[in-house]
Amino acid sequence: MPWIHTLSTLKPTTLPLVHHEDIIVNYLLNPGWNSWNIPLVQSLFNPLDVASILSMPLFTRDYTDGRIWKATVDGTYTVKSAYRICLDIITTSFPTRSENR
């Protein structure tokens, strides 16, 4: 999963440790979401990744994650909005005969 904005691939260069392949970013934070668990980060990643991770700013307020749908103004998924996206893809991928002339 890409998440390190200072690396060209956006992914850690350190190979995952056995039994730690599924670590999520939240696991690398101290409780309260406002600081990195530096000893843990240093134990899991190489120096390049450590420097990149620790340079990433963290939010100071605790927010809960939520899903949003960018195709609507209010961020709510609707079948109608998905239908419009599908139609848009179809019409741009397969132009009508009148557009080909």
C-alpha atoms as a PDB file:
ATOM      1  CA  MET A   1       0.000   0.000   0.000  1.00  0.00           C
ATOM      2  CA  PRO A   2       1.501   3.368  -0.983  1.00  0.00           C
ATOM      3  CA  TRP A   3       1.720   5.770   1.959  1.00  0.00           C
ATOM      4  CA  ILE A   4       5.189   7.343   2.243  1.00  0.00           C
ATOM      5  CA  HIS A   5       4.969  10.569   0.227  1.00  0.00           C
ATOM      6  CA  THR A   6       8.739  11.285   0.242  1.00  0.00           C
ATOM      7  CA  LEU A   7       9.682   8.041  -1.525  1.00  0.00           C
ATOM      8  CA  SER A   8       9.356   7.760  -5.300  1.00  0.00           C
ATOM      9  CA  THR A   9       7.357   4.513  -5.108  1.00  0.00           C
ATOM     10  CA  LEU A  10       5.331   5.797  -2.131  1.00  0.00           C
ATOM     11  CA  LYS A  11       6.050   2.418  -0.504  1.00  0.00           C
ATOM     12  CA  PRO A  12       8.642   1.370   2.103  1.00  0.00           C
ATOM     13  CA  THR A  13      11.889   0.039   0.646  1.00  0.00           C
ATOM     14  CA  THR A  14      12.320  -2.333   3.598  1.00  0.00           C
ATOM     15  CA  LEU A  15      11.200  -5.876   2.921  1.00  0.00           C
ATOM     16  CA  PRO A  16       8.370  -6.914   5.253  1.00  0.00           C
ATOM     17  CA  LEU A  17       9.425  -9.004   8.226  1.00  0.00           C
ATOM     18  CA  VAL A  18       7.964 -12.478   8.576  1.00  0.00           C
ATOM     19  CA  HIS A  19       4.676 -12.295  10.496  1.00  0.00           C
ATOM     20  CA  HIS A  20       4.570  -8.480  10.043  1.00  0.00           C
ATOM     21  CA  GLU A  21       3.398  -8.288   6.428  1.00  0.00           C
ATOM     22  CA  ASP A  22      -0.011  -6.874   7.361  1.00  0.00           C
ATOM     23  CA  ILE A  23       1.072  -4.038   9.661  1.00  0.00           C
ATOM     24  CA  ILE A  24      -1.004  -0.902   9.215  1.00  0.00           C
ATOM     25  CA  VAL A  25       0.147   2.662   9.859  1.00  0.00           C
ATOM     26  CA  ASN A  26      -1.985   2.903  12.989  1.00  0.00           C
ATOM     27  CA  TYR A  27       0.182   0.169  14.544  1.00  0.00           C
ATOM     28  CA  LEU A  28       3.225   2.487  14.216  1.00  0.00           C
ATOM     29  CA  LEU A  29       1.627   5.275  16.257  1.00  0.00           C
ATOM     30  CA  ASN A  30       1.601   5.851  19.984  1.00  0.00           C
ATOM     31  CA  PRO A  31      -1.849   5.805  21.589  1.00  0.00           C
ATOM     32  CA  GLY A  32      -3.676   9.066  20.952  1.00  0.00           C
ATOM     33  CA  TRP A  33      -2.666   9.277  17.254  1.00  0.00           C
ATOM     34  CA  ASN A  34      -0.344  12.214  17.770  1.00  0.00           C
ATOM     35  CA  SER A  35       3.153  10.724  17.652  1.00  0.00           C
ATOM     36  CA  TRP A  36       5.162   7.978  16.009  1.00  0.00           C
ATOM     37  CA  ASN A  37       6.328   5.021  18.090  1.00  0.00           C
ATOM     38  CA  ILE A  38       9.953   5.758  17.150  1.00  0.00           C
ATOM     39  CA  PRO A  39      11.564   2.616  18.643  1.00  0.00           C
ATOM     40  CA  LEU A  40       9.021   0.439  16.825  1.00  0.00           C
ATOM     41  CA  VAL A  41       9.489   2.263  13.509  1.00  0.00           C
ATOM     42  CA  GLN A  42      13.272   1.940  13.871  1.00  0.00           C
ATOM     43  CA  SER A  43      12.983  -1.780  14.603  1.00  0.00           C
ATOM     44  CA  LEU A  44      10.832  -2.512  11.545  1.00  0.00           C
ATOM     45  CA  PHE A  45      12.298  -0.305   8.795  1.00  0.00           C
ATOM     46  CA  ASN A  46      15.672   0.566   7.291  1.00  0.00           C
ATOM     47  CA  PRO A  47      17.194   4.030   7.963  1.00  0.00           C
ATOM     48  CA  LEU A  48      15.868   5.521   4.684  1.00  0.00           C
ATOM     49  CA  ASP A  49      12.317   4.448   5.458  1.00  0.00           C
ATOM     50  CA  VAL A  50      12.642   5.512   9.114  1.00  0.00           C
ATOM     51  CA  ALA A  51      13.699   9.035   8.097  1.00  0.00           C
ATOM     52  CA  SER A  52      10.840   9.264   5.582  1.00  0.00           C
ATOM     53  CA  ILE A  53       8.225   7.943   7.999  1.00  0.00           C
ATOM     54  CA  LEU A  54       9.292  10.121  10.916  1.00  0.00           C
ATOM     55  CA  SER A  55       9.289  13.225   8.684  1.00  0.00           C
ATOM     56  CA  MET A  56       5.591  12.711   7.925  1.00  0.00           C
ATOM     57  CA  PRO A  57       3.413  15.128   9.909  1.00  0.00           C
ATOM     58  CA  LEU A  58       0.587  13.682  11.956  1.00  0.00           C
ATOM     59  CA  PHE A  59      -2.795  15.211  12.695  1.00  0.00           C
ATOM     60  CA  THR A  60      -3.109  16.475  16.232  1.00  0.00           C
ATOM     61  CA  ARG A  61      -6.834  15.728  16.473  1.00  0.00           C
ATOM     62  CA  ASP A  62      -8.364  12.278  16.558  1.00  0.00           C
ATOM     63  CA  TYR A  63     -10.578  11.713  13.521  1.00  0.00           C
ATOM     64  CA  THR A  64     -12.499   8.592  12.728  1.00  0.00           C
ATOM     65  CA  ASP A  65     -12.112   7.176   9.252  1.00  0.00           C
ATOM     66  CA  GLY A  66     -15.051   7.254   6.922  1.00  0.00           C
ATOM     67  CA  ARG A  67     -15.875   6.339   3.381  1.00  0.00           C
ATOM     68  CA  ILE A  68     -16.676   9.015   0.857  1.00  0.00           C
ATOM     69  CA  TRP A  69     -17.858   8.904  -2.735  1.00  0.00           C
ATOM     70  CA  LYS A  70     -16.227  11.575  -4.861  1.00  0.00           C
ATOM     71  CA  ALA A  71     -18.890  11.360  -7.539  1.00  0.00           C
ATOM     72  CA  THR A  72     -21.472  13.206  -5.452  1.00  0.00           C
ATOM     73  CA  VAL A  73     -21.382  16.630  -3.840  1.00  0.00           C
ATOM     74  CA  ASP A  74     -22.176  15.341  -0.350  1.00  0.00           C
ATOM     75  CA  GLY A  75     -19.886  12.262  -0.565  1.00  0.00           C
ATOM     76  CA  THR A  76     -22.727   9.749  -0.386  1.00  0.00           C
ATOM     77  CA  TYR A  77     -22.821   6.787  -2.778  1.00  0.00           C
ATOM     78  CA  THR A  78     -25.926   6.485  -4.912  1.00  0.00           C
ATOM     79  CA  VAL A  79     -26.799   4.029  -7.634  1.00  0.00           C
ATOM     80  CA  LYS A  80     -27.620   7.006  -9.849  1.00  0.00           C
ATOM     81  CA  SER A  81     -24.109   8.449  -9.463  1.00  0.00           C
ATOM     82  CA  ALA A  82     -22.526   5.073 -10.246  1.00  0.00           C
ATOM     83  CA  TYR A  83     -24.769   4.724 -13.287  1.00  0.00           C
ATOM     84  CA  ARG A  84     -23.662   8.156 -14.530  1.00  0.00           C
ATOM     85  CA  ILE A  85     -20.005   7.168 -14.158  1.00  0.00           C
ATOM     86  CA  CYS A  86     -20.620   3.945 -16.098  1.00  0.00           C
ATOM     87  CA  LEU A  87     -22.374   5.838 -18.873  1.00  0.00           C
ATOM     88  CA  ASP A  88     -19.545   8.346 -19.024  1.00  0.00           C
ATOM     89  CA  ILE A  89     -16.968   5.551 -19.350  1.00  0.00           C
ATOM     90  CA  ILE A  90     -18.973   3.818 -22.055  1.00  0.00           C
ATOM     91  CA  THR A  91     -19.525   6.973 -24.100  1.00  0.00           C
ATOM     92  CA  THR A  92     -15.847   7.980 -23.943  1.00  0.00           C
ATOM     93  CA  SER A  93     -14.633   4.443 -24.701  1.00  0.00           C
ATOM     94  CA  PHE A  94     -17.074   3.773 -27.540  1.00  0.00           C
ATOM     95  CA  PRO A  95     -17.929   6.988 -29.400  1.00  0.00           C
ATOM     96  CA  THR A  96     -21.083   7.015 -31.525  1.00  0.00           C
ATOM     97  CA  ARG A  97     -20.905   6.870 -35.298  1.00  0.00           C
ATOM     98  CA  SER A  98     -21.701  10.556 -35.677  1.00  0.00           C
ATOM     99  CA  GLU A  99     -18.628  11.428 -33.578  1.00  0.00           C
ATOM    100  CA  ASN A 100     -16.372   9.280 -35.798  1.00  0.00           C
ATOM    101  CA  ARG A 101     -17.111  11.238 -38.980  1.00  0.00           C
END
